Amino acid sequence: MMRPDIRTALVTGASAGLGAEFARQLAAGGSGLILVARRKDRLEALAVELSGRYGVAVEVLPADLLTPDGVGLVEARAASCATLDLLVNNAGTGSPAAFVESDAAYLRGMVQVHASAAVSLARAALPGMIARGRGDVVNVASMAAFSPLSGPVYGANKAFLVAFSMNLQAELAGTGVRVQALCPGMTHTEFHDVIKMDTSRIPGFMWMDAPDVVRASLRALGRGRVICIPGWKNRLIAAPERCAPTAWVIRRLASLPYFRRKADP
């Protein structure tokens, strides 16, 4: 189970999807919250909902992690919070378009939000956690980290978060601080609608609900599991993608025109 004494959690991308669900489940467990996203109105509505329902302190921190000022604002808050026990790096975006058809600035922004901001916020939060001898960092990656069909930039960002989490956890051994890379598969949120991704060809049995994904993450965090792949179906799919011999076969198949067409939006 998750730690019962998470005093304060800072969640990025908290205005919708997995970020909002992390906020709800943490508030239900009695944790105070610092909610970060660009959409202030959504953050304020969520803050009213959670503080009213669970009686917890909820701080709204509107910030755009695409910008240095936005990242700096959240860095400063993470570093100054003396009760910060959990950082959830959830903010992110995607693009269903092919790499050469995507706007270069948008692609750079994906790297900034997914990877650079996660590194910056972890760096800001960790000194305090280490000094207190307690704390957790959840980097929301994806099954895309293991797949050659998930887009060059999106998949690479998620693979970075997995490697970053594994290596950071090794470095933090013995400090009382834990790191997790959460790697969900297809999850019912508004993410796919926002990026205008056609999901009609994805069978229903492949999908999970956001509450189940977050519960799996918090359970795995309590057990000290560095890589969390929620759902046995997702773990079954990820196994050959993470095994070197079968991963080589999958990469070869992914380069064939038939499979490339299947992966196109």
Foldseek 3Di string as FASTA:
>chain_A
DFDLPQAEEEFEPCLWFLNVLLVQVVLQSPHEYEYEEQDQVSQVVSQCVSCVVRVHHYHYDYADLLDPVRLVSLLVVLLPDLRHAEYELDDAADALAAPVPDDPSVLVSRCRSLPVSLVSNCVSNPVSCLVVLHHEYEREAALLCLAPLRHDRNNVSSVVLLVVLVVVQVVCPPSRYAYAYQHEYAEPICRCVVNVHDPVPPDPVRYDYSNQSSVQVSVVVVVRNHYTYGDPVSVVVSVLSPDVVSVVVNVVVCPDPVNNVVSRD
